[in-house]
């Protein structure tokens, strides 16, 4: 690579990596309950994008390239970096508490009895604060149950500690014909590797329950909206007119507003993802341009115009 072409290629690479990082900064999930899975996935993606950009920035400094950030993108990157620092600290605290709970469970198991004894672990040991921890004796019984339930011809399934095996697997595990195993309250391992949502996660189950509640509530409100009205006419004596009213009742307004807010939140999230995909496509185009320039330079070296 010639000295004249190297700075331009490095500048294009930095621009592509920066565009991908800005796109990721625009679509970080909301900080609310039930979004822990999305937060963890976003943290991993942010670390990958940052690890890609930083070596390019260092090489750009060696070549005398100044890295500039648009005024509109600087607050977005700063906010995303602050969110990353805060969520990373929260995640580290959760892991520290989980390890402490596991150690306490081991100590209680040793005090209860020796090996081979039937041990009953207190409920406080299995579930402490906001982290669910399965102690080792419970894990051993779980492995034995799963191994005995399988046929001898089929491979035996070993469930890791702190995880559960679904008798009815999710859609992806059903298609792939694999065991649907997941940590408690999280996405199954297969869906996590594919970076997609799982219908067996706590968040998905909660959404289904909320959707069922909203449908039942809406149907009850629709039945209650059919009302009868009595009209007294001065010209006719005691004439009664029965009118079936299909207008929206007062009780339905909160349900409709809740549904609209949910749909608006989903549309907003989809829009952010589309913006991120568009920015990533632009970055892919820039990377392709870098490869084209490299190929043109290589052809020029061997004398091909």
C-alpha atoms as a PDB file:
ATOM      1  CA  UNK A   1       0.000   0.000   0.000  1.00  0.00           C
ATOM      2  CA  UNK A   2       1.430   3.370  -1.004  1.00  0.00           C
ATOM      3  CA  UNK A   3       1.954   6.199   1.455  1.00  0.00           C
ATOM      4  CA  UNK A   4      -0.554   8.415  -0.367  1.00  0.00           C
ATOM      5  CA  UNK A   5      -3.343   5.832  -0.388  1.00  0.00           C
ATOM      6  CA  UNK A   6      -2.914   4.617   3.218  1.00  0.00           C
ATOM      7  CA  UNK A   7      -4.301   7.757   4.920  1.00  0.00           C
ATOM      8  CA  UNK A   8      -7.357   7.765   2.659  1.00  0.00           C
ATOM      9  CA  UNK A   9      -8.099   4.093   3.311  1.00  0.00           C
ATOM     10  CA  UNK A  10      -7.662   4.546   7.062  1.00  0.00           C
ATOM     11  CA  UNK A  11      -9.963   7.561   6.967  1.00  0.00           C
ATOM     12  CA  UNK A  12     -12.644   5.553   5.153  1.00  0.00           C
ATOM     13  CA  UNK A  13     -12.296   2.690   7.630  1.00  0.00           C
ATOM     14  CA  UNK A  14     -12.631   5.079  10.572  1.00  0.00           C
ATOM     15  CA  UNK A  15     -15.698   6.682   8.972  1.00  0.00           C
ATOM     16  CA  UNK A  16     -17.311   3.282   8.444  1.00  0.00           C
ATOM     17  CA  UNK A  17     -16.629   2.099  12.006  1.00  0.00           C
ATOM     18  CA  UNK A  18     -17.829   5.442  13.409  1.00  0.00           C
ATOM     19  CA  UNK A  19     -21.091   5.210  11.456  1.00  0.00           C
ATOM     20  CA  UNK A  20     -21.708   1.717  12.838  1.00  0.00           C
ATOM     21  CA  UNK A  21     -20.984   2.910  16.395  1.00  0.00           C
ATOM     22  CA  UNK A  22     -23.341   5.898  16.041  1.00  0.00           C
ATOM     23  CA  UNK A  23     -26.067   3.610  14.693  1.00  0.00           C
ATOM     24  CA  UNK A  24     -25.636   1.336  17.715  1.00  0.00           C
ATOM     25  CA  UNK A  25     -25.756   4.346  20.051  1.00  0.00           C
ATOM     26  CA  UNK A  26     -29.110   5.413  18.596  1.00  0.00           C
ATOM     27  CA  UNK A  27     -30.862   2.120  19.336  1.00  0.00           C
ATOM     28  CA  UNK A  28     -29.935   1.243  22.922  1.00  0.00           C
ATOM     29  CA  UNK A  29     -32.953  -0.280  24.759  1.00  0.00           C
ATOM     30  CA  UNK A  30     -35.076   1.474  27.339  1.00  0.00           C
ATOM     31  CA  UNK A  31     -33.988   1.308  30.971  1.00  0.00           C
ATOM     32  CA  UNK A  32     -37.042  -0.345  32.488  1.00  0.00           C
ATOM     33  CA  UNK A  33     -38.025  -3.604  34.138  1.00  0.00           C
ATOM     34  CA  UNK A  34     -38.103  -6.674  31.915  1.00  0.00           C
ATOM     35  CA  UNK A  35     -35.464  -5.394  29.456  1.00  0.00           C
ATOM     36  CA  UNK A  36     -32.439  -7.113  31.036  1.00  0.00           C
ATOM     37  CA  UNK A  37     -31.995  -9.468  28.092  1.00  0.00           C
ATOM     38  CA  UNK A  38     -31.993  -6.606  25.568  1.00  0.00           C
ATOM     39  CA  UNK A  39     -29.584  -4.624  27.759  1.00  0.00           C
ATOM     40  CA  UNK A  40     -27.087  -7.505  27.893  1.00  0.00           C
ATOM     41  CA  UNK A  41     -27.182  -8.010  24.118  1.00  0.00           C
ATOM     42  CA  UNK A  42     -26.696  -4.266  23.513  1.00  0.00           C
ATOM     43  CA  UNK A  43     -23.713  -4.167  25.904  1.00  0.00           C
ATOM     44  CA  UNK A  44     -22.026  -6.983  23.977  1.00  0.00           C
ATOM     45  CA  UNK A  45     -22.644  -5.264  20.629  1.00  0.00           C
ATOM     46  CA  UNK A  46     -21.338  -1.932  21.962  1.00  0.00           C
ATOM     47  CA  UNK A  47     -18.147  -3.616  23.178  1.00  0.00           C
ATOM     48  CA  UNK A  48     -17.627  -5.238  19.759  1.00  0.00           C
ATOM     49  CA  UNK A  49     -18.141  -1.960  17.853  1.00  0.00           C
ATOM     50  CA  UNK A  50     -15.836  -0.057  20.231  1.00  0.00           C
ATOM     51  CA  UNK A  51     -13.137  -2.734  19.972  1.00  0.00           C
ATOM     52  CA  UNK A  52     -13.279  -2.404  16.180  1.00  0.00           C
ATOM     53  CA  UNK A  53     -13.062   1.403  16.167  1.00  0.00           C
ATOM     54  CA  UNK A  54     -10.296   2.037  18.711  1.00  0.00           C
ATOM     55  CA  UNK A  55      -7.401   0.358  16.797  1.00  0.00           C
ATOM     56  CA  UNK A  56      -8.398   2.310  13.686  1.00  0.00           C
ATOM     57  CA  UNK A  57      -8.325   5.572  15.647  1.00  0.00           C
ATOM     58  CA  UNK A  58      -4.851   4.786  16.999  1.00  0.00           C
ATOM     59  CA  UNK A  59      -3.568   4.009  13.503  1.00  0.00           C
ATOM     60  CA  UNK A  60      -5.176   7.206  12.235  1.00  0.00           C
ATOM     61  CA  UNK A  61      -3.236   9.209  14.799  1.00  0.00           C
ATOM     62  CA  UNK A  62       0.004   7.627  13.571  1.00  0.00           C
ATOM     63  CA  UNK A  63      -0.849   8.658   9.994  1.00  0.00           C
ATOM     64  CA  UNK A  64      -1.851  12.167  11.060  1.00  0.00           C
ATOM     65  CA  UNK A  65      -5.597  11.679  10.523  1.00  0.00           C
ATOM     66  CA  UNK A  66      -7.867  13.819  12.705  1.00  0.00           C
ATOM     67  CA  UNK A  67     -10.992  12.018  13.918  1.00  0.00           C
ATOM     68  CA  UNK A  68     -13.943  14.389  13.881  1.00  0.00           C
ATOM     69  CA  UNK A  69     -17.402  13.874  15.330  1.00  0.00           C
ATOM     70  CA  UNK A  70     -20.459  15.765  14.112  1.00  0.00           C
ATOM     71  CA  UNK A  71     -22.040  18.156  16.591  1.00  0.00           C
ATOM     72  CA  UNK A  72     -25.348  16.278  16.349  1.00  0.00           C
ATOM     73  CA  UNK A  73     -23.731  12.881  17.006  1.00  0.00           C
ATOM     74  CA  UNK A  74     -21.538  13.895  19.957  1.00  0.00           C
ATOM     75  CA  UNK A  75     -24.406  13.999  22.547  1.00  0.00           C
ATOM     76  CA  UNK A  76     -25.701  10.648  21.268  1.00  0.00           C
ATOM     77  CA  UNK A  77     -22.316   8.976  21.687  1.00  0.00           C
ATOM     78  CA  UNK A  78     -21.808  10.561  25.114  1.00  0.00           C
ATOM     79  CA  UNK A  79     -25.211   9.365  26.321  1.00  0.00           C
ATOM     80  CA  UNK A  80     -24.609   5.844  25.000  1.00  0.00           C
ATOM     81  CA  UNK A  81     -21.199   5.727  26.698  1.00  0.00           C
ATOM     82  CA  UNK A  82     -22.741   6.807  30.018  1.00  0.00           C
ATOM     83  CA  UNK A  83     -25.454   4.164  29.637  1.00  0.00           C
ATOM     84  CA  UNK A  84     -22.781   1.542  28.930  1.00  0.00           C
ATOM     85  CA  UNK A  85     -20.806   2.483  32.053  1.00  0.00           C
ATOM     86  CA  UNK A  86     -23.920   2.440  34.259  1.00  0.00           C
ATOM     87  CA  UNK A  87     -25.276  -0.870  32.965  1.00  0.00           C
ATOM     88  CA  UNK A  88     -21.850  -2.503  33.141  1.00  0.00           C
ATOM     89  CA  UNK A  89     -21.588  -1.536  36.806  1.00  0.00           C
ATOM     90  CA  UNK A  90     -25.086  -2.903  37.472  1.00  0.00           C
ATOM     91  CA  UNK A  91     -24.245  -6.159  35.687  1.00  0.00           C
ATOM     92  CA  UNK A  92     -21.040  -6.558  37.711  1.00  0.00           C
ATOM     93  CA  UNK A  93     -22.984  -5.997  40.923  1.00  0.00           C
ATOM     94  CA  UNK A  94     -25.549  -8.655  39.945  1.00  0.00           C
ATOM     95  CA  UNK A  95     -22.797 -11.192  39.200  1.00  0.00           C
ATOM     96  CA  UNK A  96     -21.087 -10.422  42.509  1.00  0.00           C
ATOM     97  CA  UNK A  97     -24.325 -10.994  44.413  1.00  0.00           C
ATOM     98  CA  UNK A  98     -24.960 -14.230  42.513  1.00  0.00           C
ATOM     99  CA  UNK A  99     -21.506 -15.563  43.390  1.00  0.00           C
ATOM    100  CA  UNK A 100     -22.045 -14.619  47.017  1.00  0.00           C
ATOM    101  CA  UNK A 101     -25.401 -16.435  47.036  1.00  0.00           C
ATOM    102  CA  UNK A 102     -23.792 -19.550  45.518  1.00  0.00           C
ATOM    103  CA  UNK A 103     -21.091 -19.541  48.196  1.00  0.00           C
ATOM    104  CA  UNK A 104     -23.695 -19.214  50.936  1.00  0.00           C
ATOM    105  CA  UNK A 105     -25.661 -22.093  49.402  1.00  0.00           C
ATOM    106  CA  UNK A 106     -22.553 -24.296  49.373  1.00  0.00           C
ATOM    107  CA  UNK A 107     -21.837 -23.503  53.022  1.00  0.00           C
ATOM    108  CA  UNK A 108     -25.423 -24.350  54.011  1.00  0.00           C
ATOM    109  CA  UNK A 109     -25.250 -27.623  52.059  1.00  0.00           C
ATOM    110  CA  UNK A 110     -22.028 -28.641  53.836  1.00  0.00           C
ATOM    111  CA  UNK A 111     -23.511 -27.859  57.247  1.00  0.00           C
ATOM    112  CA  UNK A 112     -26.716 -29.829  56.531  1.00  0.00           C
ATOM    113  CA  UNK A 113     -25.159 -33.228  55.783  1.00  0.00           C
ATOM    114  CA  UNK A 114     -22.412 -35.249  54.099  1.00  0.00           C
ATOM    115  CA  UNK A 115     -22.309 -36.702  50.605  1.00  0.00           C
ATOM    116  CA  UNK A 116     -25.116 -39.094  49.712  1.00  0.00           C
ATOM    117  CA  UNK A 117     -27.510 -37.656  52.293  1.00  0.00           C
ATOM    118  CA  UNK A 118     -30.926 -36.318  51.334  1.00  0.00           C
ATOM    119  CA  UNK A 119     -30.512 -32.564  51.626  1.00  0.00           C
ATOM    120  CA  UNK A 120     -33.355 -30.066  51.715  1.00  0.00           C
ATOM    121  CA  UNK A 121     -32.150 -26.583  50.850  1.00  0.00           C
ATOM    122  CA  UNK A 122     -34.068 -23.695  52.469  1.00  0.00           C
ATOM    123  CA  UNK A 123     -36.050 -21.457  50.162  1.00  0.00           C
ATOM    124  CA  UNK A 124     -33.980 -18.438  51.207  1.00  0.00           C
ATOM    125  CA  UNK A 125     -30.878 -20.167  49.863  1.00  0.00           C
ATOM    126  CA  UNK A 126     -32.406 -20.802  46.441  1.00  0.00           C
ATOM    127  CA  UNK A 127     -33.804 -17.322  45.936  1.00  0.00           C
ATOM    128  CA  UNK A 128     -32.057 -14.311  47.461  1.00  0.00           C
ATOM    129  CA  UNK A 129     -32.568 -10.628  46.606  1.00  0.00           C
ATOM    130  CA  UNK A 130     -33.349 -10.479  42.859  1.00  0.00           C
ATOM    131  CA  UNK A 131     -31.092 -13.355  41.726  1.00  0.00           C
ATOM    132  CA  UNK A 132     -32.328 -16.940  41.601  1.00  0.00           C
ATOM    133  CA  UNK A 133     -29.608 -19.443  42.495  1.00  0.00           C
ATOM    134  CA  UNK A 134     -29.948 -23.220  42.308  1.00  0.00           C
ATOM    135  CA  UNK A 135     -27.729 -24.994  44.828  1.00  0.00           C
ATOM    136  CA  UNK A 136     -25.567 -27.990  43.926  1.00  0.00           C
ATOM    137  CA  UNK A 137     -27.758 -30.719  45.542  1.00  0.00           C
ATOM    138  CA  UNK A 138     -30.742 -29.467  43.549  1.00  0.00           C
ATOM    139  CA  UNK A 139     -28.594 -29.448  40.400  1.00  0.00           C
ATOM    140  CA  UNK A 140     -27.607 -33.086  41.032  1.00  0.00           C
ATOM    141  CA  UNK A 141     -31.226 -34.227  41.348  1.00  0.00           C
ATOM    142  CA  UNK A 142     -32.090 -32.293  38.178  1.00  0.00           C
ATOM    143  CA  UNK A 143     -29.386 -34.103  36.197  1.00  0.00           C
ATOM    144  CA  UNK A 144     -30.575 -37.498  37.434  1.00  0.00           C
ATOM    145  CA  UNK A 145     -34.184 -36.710  36.559  1.00  0.00           C
ATOM    146  CA  UNK A 146     -33.321 -35.633  33.037  1.00  0.00           C
ATOM    147  CA  UNK A 147     -31.010 -38.614  32.438  1.00  0.00           C
ATOM    148  CA  UNK A 148     -33.625 -41.143  33.602  1.00  0.00           C
ATOM    149  CA  UNK A 149     -36.429 -39.580  31.580  1.00  0.00           C
ATOM    150  CA  UNK A 150     -34.532 -40.010  28.270  1.00  0.00           C
ATOM    151  CA  UNK A 151     -34.405 -43.254  26.295  1.00  0.00           C
ATOM    152  CA  UNK A 152     -31.252 -45.350  26.407  1.00  0.00           C
ATOM    153  CA  UNK A 153     -30.716 -45.014  22.642  1.00  0.00           C
ATOM    154  CA  UNK A 154     -30.854 -41.206  22.705  1.00  0.00           C
ATOM    155  CA  UNK A 155     -28.002 -39.042  24.066  1.00  0.00           C
ATOM    156  CA  UNK A 156     -28.502 -37.958  27.657  1.00  0.00           C
ATOM    157  CA  UNK A 157     -29.028 -34.263  28.333  1.00  0.00           C
ATOM    158  CA  UNK A 158     -27.029 -32.527  31.075  1.00  0.00           C
ATOM    159  CA  UNK A 159     -28.616 -29.339  32.409  1.00  0.00           C
ATOM    160  CA  UNK A 160     -26.093 -26.784  33.757  1.00  0.00           C
ATOM    161  CA  UNK A 161     -26.611 -25.345  37.248  1.00  0.00           C
ATOM    162  CA  UNK A 162     -29.037 -22.440  37.354  1.00  0.00           C
ATOM    163  CA  UNK A 163     -30.755 -23.576  34.132  1.00  0.00           C
ATOM    164  CA  UNK A 164     -33.945 -25.449  33.276  1.00  0.00           C
ATOM    165  CA  UNK A 165     -35.007 -27.786  30.447  1.00  0.00           C
ATOM    166  CA  UNK A 166     -38.320 -27.099  28.670  1.00  0.00           C
ATOM    167  CA  UNK A 167     -40.406 -30.190  27.997  1.00  0.00           C
ATOM    168  CA  UNK A 168     -42.096 -28.217  25.207  1.00  0.00           C
ATOM    169  CA  UNK A 169     -39.208 -26.477  23.362  1.00  0.00           C
ATOM    170  CA  UNK A 170     -39.432 -23.075  21.711  1.00  0.00           C
ATOM    171  CA  UNK A 171     -40.027 -22.704  17.970  1.00  0.00           C
ATOM    172  CA  UNK A 172     -36.331 -22.504  17.024  1.00  0.00           C
ATOM    173  CA  UNK A 173     -35.291 -25.501  19.132  1.00  0.00           C
ATOM    174  CA  UNK A 174     -38.224 -27.473  17.685  1.00  0.00           C
ATOM    175  CA  UNK A 175     -37.059 -26.752  14.129  1.00  0.00           C
ATOM    176  CA  UNK A 176     -33.397 -27.492  14.942  1.00  0.00           C
ATOM    177  CA  UNK A 177     -34.391 -30.568  17.016  1.00  0.00           C
ATOM    178  CA  UNK A 178     -32.171 -29.520  19.914  1.00  0.00           C
ATOM    179  CA  UNK A 179     -32.726 -29.428  23.667  1.00  0.00           C
ATOM    180  CA  UNK A 180     -34.316 -26.158  24.800  1.00  0.00           C
ATOM    181  CA  UNK A 181     -32.181 -25.208  27.833  1.00  0.00           C
ATOM    182  CA  UNK A 182     -32.052 -21.712  29.288  1.00  0.00           C
ATOM    183  CA  UNK A 183     -30.947 -19.897  32.440  1.00  0.00           C
ATOM    184  CA  UNK A 184     -33.812 -19.072  34.762  1.00  0.00           C
ATOM    185  CA  UNK A 185     -35.771 -16.061  33.463  1.00  0.00           C
ATOM    186  CA  UNK A 186     -33.679 -15.618  30.284  1.00  0.00           C
ATOM    187  CA  UNK A 187     -33.613 -16.624  26.619  1.00  0.00           C
ATOM    188  CA  UNK A 188     -32.737 -20.227  25.743  1.00  0.00           C
ATOM    189  CA  UNK A 189     -29.170 -20.937  24.673  1.00  0.00           C
ATOM    190  CA  UNK A 190     -30.012 -21.503  20.993  1.00  0.00           C
ATOM    191  CA  UNK A 191     -31.919 -18.222  20.628  1.00  0.00           C
ATOM    192  CA  UNK A 192     -29.197 -16.363  22.551  1.00  0.00           C
ATOM    193  CA  UNK A 193     -26.533 -17.607  20.125  1.00  0.00           C
ATOM    194  CA  UNK A 194     -28.670 -16.433  17.184  1.00  0.00           C
ATOM    195  CA  UNK A 195     -29.275 -13.082  18.970  1.00  0.00           C
ATOM    196  CA  UNK A 196     -33.044 -13.354  18.659  1.00  0.00           C
ATOM    197  CA  UNK A 197     -35.948 -13.240  21.095  1.00  0.00           C
ATOM    198  CA  UNK A 198     -37.243 -16.459  22.657  1.00  0.00           C
ATOM    199  CA  UNK A 199     -40.875 -17.234  23.380  1.00  0.00           C
ATOM    200  CA  UNK A 200     -39.828 -19.029  26.587  1.00  0.00           C
ATOM    201  CA  UNK A 201     -38.179 -15.982  28.179  1.00  0.00           C
ATOM    202  CA  UNK A 202     -39.812 -14.211  31.109  1.00  0.00           C
ATOM    203  CA  UNK A 203     -40.341 -11.079  29.021  1.00  0.00           C
ATOM    204  CA  UNK A 204     -42.124 -12.970  26.216  1.00  0.00           C
ATOM    205  CA  UNK A 205     -44.375 -14.801  28.679  1.00  0.00           C
ATOM    206  CA  UNK A 206     -45.230 -11.487  30.352  1.00  0.00           C
ATOM    207  CA  UNK A 207     -46.114  -9.911  27.008  1.00  0.00           C
ATOM    208  CA  UNK A 208     -48.422 -12.818  26.150  1.00  0.00           C
ATOM    209  CA  UNK A 209     -50.161 -12.492  29.507  1.00  0.00           C
ATOM    210  CA  UNK A 210     -50.597  -8.740  29.026  1.00  0.00           C
ATOM    211  CA  UNK A 211     -51.955  -9.276  25.513  1.00  0.00           C
ATOM    212  CA  UNK A 212     -54.473 -11.832  26.760  1.00  0.00           C
ATOM    213  CA  UNK A 213     -55.583  -9.506  29.543  1.00  0.00           C
ATOM    214  CA  UNK A 214     -56.033  -6.612  27.124  1.00  0.00           C
ATOM    215  CA  UNK A 215     -58.127  -8.738  24.718  1.00  0.00           C
ATOM    216  CA  UNK A 216     -60.421  -9.910  27.518  1.00  0.00           C
ATOM    217  CA  UNK A 217     -60.721  -6.371  28.850  1.00  0.00           C
ATOM    218  CA  UNK A 218     -61.521  -4.989  25.398  1.00  0.00           C
ATOM    219  CA  UNK A 219     -64.195  -7.641  24.754  1.00  0.00           C
ATOM    220  CA  UNK A 220     -65.882  -6.885  28.079  1.00  0.00           C
ATOM    221  CA  UNK A 221     -65.868  -3.179  27.285  1.00  0.00           C
ATOM    222  CA  UNK A 222     -67.378  -3.790  23.835  1.00  0.00           C
ATOM    223  CA  UNK A 223     -70.249  -5.743  25.388  1.00  0.00           C
ATOM    224  CA  UNK A 224     -70.850  -3.022  27.927  1.00  0.00           C
ATOM    225  CA  UNK A 225     -70.941  -0.345  25.211  1.00  0.00           C
ATOM    226  CA  UNK A 226     -74.287  -1.631  23.843  1.00  0.00           C
ATOM    227  CA  UNK A 227     -76.773   0.527  25.727  1.00  0.00           C
ATOM    228  CA  UNK A 228     -80.412   1.399  25.530  1.00  0.00           C
ATOM    229  CA  UNK A 229     -81.832   4.868  25.436  1.00  0.00           C
ATOM    230  CA  UNK A 230     -85.382   5.999  26.220  1.00  0.00           C
ATOM    231  CA  UNK A 231     -86.750   9.017  24.381  1.00  0.00           C
ATOM    232  CA  UNK A 232     -89.881  10.814  25.559  1.00  0.00           C
ATOM    233  CA  UNK A 233     -91.803  12.473  22.775  1.00  0.00           C
ATOM    234  CA  UNK A 234     -94.296  15.206  23.624  1.00  0.00           C
ATOM    235  CA  UNK A 235     -96.374  14.470  20.516  1.00  0.00           C
ATOM    236  CA  UNK A 236     -96.789  10.734  21.251  1.00  0.00           C
ATOM    237  CA  UNK A 237     -97.935   9.427  24.584  1.00  0.00           C
ATOM    238  CA  UNK A 238     -95.205   7.508  26.436  1.00  0.00           C
ATOM    239  CA  UNK A 239     -93.479   6.386  23.231  1.00  0.00           C
ATOM    240  CA  UNK A 240     -90.371   4.393  23.994  1.00  0.00           C
ATOM    241  CA  UNK A 241     -87.556   4.063  21.445  1.00  0.00           C
ATOM    242  CA  UNK A 242     -84.894   1.424  21.974  1.00  0.00           C
ATOM    243  CA  UNK A 243     -81.585   2.360  20.351  1.00  0.00           C
ATOM    244  CA  UNK A 244     -78.578   0.040  20.170  1.00  0.00           C
ATOM    245  CA  UNK A 245     -75.542   2.176  20.796  1.00  0.00           C
ATOM    246  CA  UNK A 246     -72.209   1.036  19.330  1.00  0.00           C
ATOM    247  CA  UNK A 247     -70.241   4.102  20.300  1.00  0.00           C
ATOM    248  CA  UNK A 248     -67.151   3.859  22.458  1.00  0.00           C
ATOM    249  CA  UNK A 249     -68.042   3.790  26.133  1.00  0.00           C
ATOM    250  CA  UNK A 250     -66.120   5.674  28.780  1.00  0.00           C
ATOM    251  CA  UNK A 251     -64.613   2.486  30.136  1.00  0.00           C
ATOM    252  CA  UNK A 252     -62.945   1.644  26.829  1.00  0.00           C
ATOM    253  CA  UNK A 253     -60.847   4.785  26.553  1.00  0.00           C
ATOM    254  CA  UNK A 254     -58.123   3.634  28.981  1.00  0.00           C
ATOM    255  CA  UNK A 255     -57.798   0.280  27.174  1.00  0.00           C
ATOM    256  CA  UNK A 256     -57.508   1.959  23.780  1.00  0.00           C
ATOM    257  CA  UNK A 257     -54.952   4.468  25.043  1.00  0.00           C
ATOM    258  CA  UNK A 258     -52.898   1.640  26.602  1.00  0.00           C
ATOM    259  CA  UNK A 259     -52.899  -0.291  23.338  1.00  0.00           C
ATOM    260  CA  UNK A 260     -51.960   2.817  21.369  1.00  0.00           C
ATOM    261  CA  UNK A 261     -49.053   3.522  23.704  1.00  0.00           C
ATOM    262  CA  UNK A 262     -47.804  -0.062  23.363  1.00  0.00           C
ATOM    263  CA  UNK A 263     -48.077   0.023  19.574  1.00  0.00           C
ATOM    264  CA  UNK A 264     -46.326   3.397  19.501  1.00  0.00           C
ATOM    265  CA  UNK A 265     -43.461   2.032  21.597  1.00  0.00           C
ATOM    266  CA  UNK A 266     -43.079  -0.981  19.276  1.00  0.00           C
ATOM    267  CA  UNK A 267     -43.131   1.236  16.194  1.00  0.00           C
ATOM    268  CA  UNK A 268     -40.558   3.546  17.746  1.00  0.00           C
ATOM    269  CA  UNK A 269     -38.269   0.602  18.497  1.00  0.00           C
ATOM    270  CA  UNK A 270     -38.712  -0.717  14.941  1.00  0.00           C
ATOM    271  CA  UNK A 271     -37.884   2.709  13.535  1.00  0.00           C
ATOM    272  CA  UNK A 272     -34.678   2.875  15.573  1.00  0.00           C
ATOM    273  CA  UNK A 273     -33.682  -0.573  14.344  1.00  0.00           C
ATOM    274  CA  UNK A 274     -34.351   0.436  10.732  1.00  0.00           C
ATOM    275  CA  UNK A 275     -32.199   3.540  11.188  1.00  0.00           C
ATOM    276  CA  UNK A 276     -29.439   1.370  12.616  1.00  0.00           C
ATOM    277  CA  UNK A 277     -29.681  -1.041   9.674  1.00  0.00           C
ATOM    278  CA  UNK A 278     -29.557   1.858   7.220  1.00  0.00           C
ATOM    279  CA  UNK A 279     -26.449   3.244   8.894  1.00  0.00           C
ATOM    280  CA  UNK A 280     -24.849  -0.195   8.894  1.00  0.00           C
ATOM    281  CA  UNK A 281     -25.609  -0.553   5.170  1.00  0.00           C
ATOM    282  CA  UNK A 282     -23.899   2.762   4.562  1.00  0.00           C
ATOM    283  CA  UNK A 283     -20.896   1.570   6.557  1.00  0.00           C
ATOM    284  CA  UNK A 284     -20.817  -1.634   4.487  1.00  0.00           C
ATOM    285  CA  UNK A 285     -20.731   0.487   1.341  1.00  0.00           C
ATOM    286  CA  UNK A 286     -17.788   2.453   2.720  1.00  0.00           C
ATOM    287  CA  UNK A 287     -15.924  -0.756   3.537  1.00  0.00           C
ATOM    288  CA  UNK A 288     -16.586  -1.977  -0.005  1.00  0.00           C
ATOM    289  CA  UNK A 289     -15.136   1.263  -1.336  1.00  0.00           C
ATOM    290  CA  UNK A 290     -12.010   0.620   0.735  1.00  0.00           C
ATOM    291  CA  UNK A 291     -11.644  -2.838  -0.792  1.00  0.00           C
ATOM    292  CA  UNK A 292     -12.108  -1.409  -4.306  1.00  0.00           C
ATOM    293  CA  UNK A 293      -9.351   1.140  -3.710  1.00  0.00           C
ATOM    294  CA  UNK A 294      -7.041  -1.571  -2.409  1.00  0.00           C
ATOM    295  CA  UNK A 295      -7.732  -3.727  -5.476  1.00  0.00           C
ATOM    296  CA  UNK A 296      -7.134  -0.783  -7.820  1.00  0.00           C
ATOM    297  CA  UNK A 297      -3.815  -0.059  -6.135  1.00  0.00           C
ATOM    298  CA  UNK A 298      -2.746  -3.722  -6.366  1.00  0.00           C
ATOM    299  CA  UNK A 299      -3.618  -3.800 -10.078  1.00  0.00           C
ATOM    300  CA  UNK A 300      -1.696  -0.582 -10.631  1.00  0.00           C
ATOM    301  CA  UNK A 301       1.393  -2.098  -9.007  1.00  0.00           C
ATOM    302  CA  UNK A 302       1.411  -5.038 -11.423  1.00  0.00           C
ATOM    303  CA  UNK A 303       0.835  -2.752 -14.402  1.00  0.00           C
ATOM    304  CA  UNK A 304      -2.855  -3.397 -15.066  1.00  0.00           C
ATOM    305  CA  UNK A 305      -4.866  -0.279 -15.834  1.00  0.00           C
END
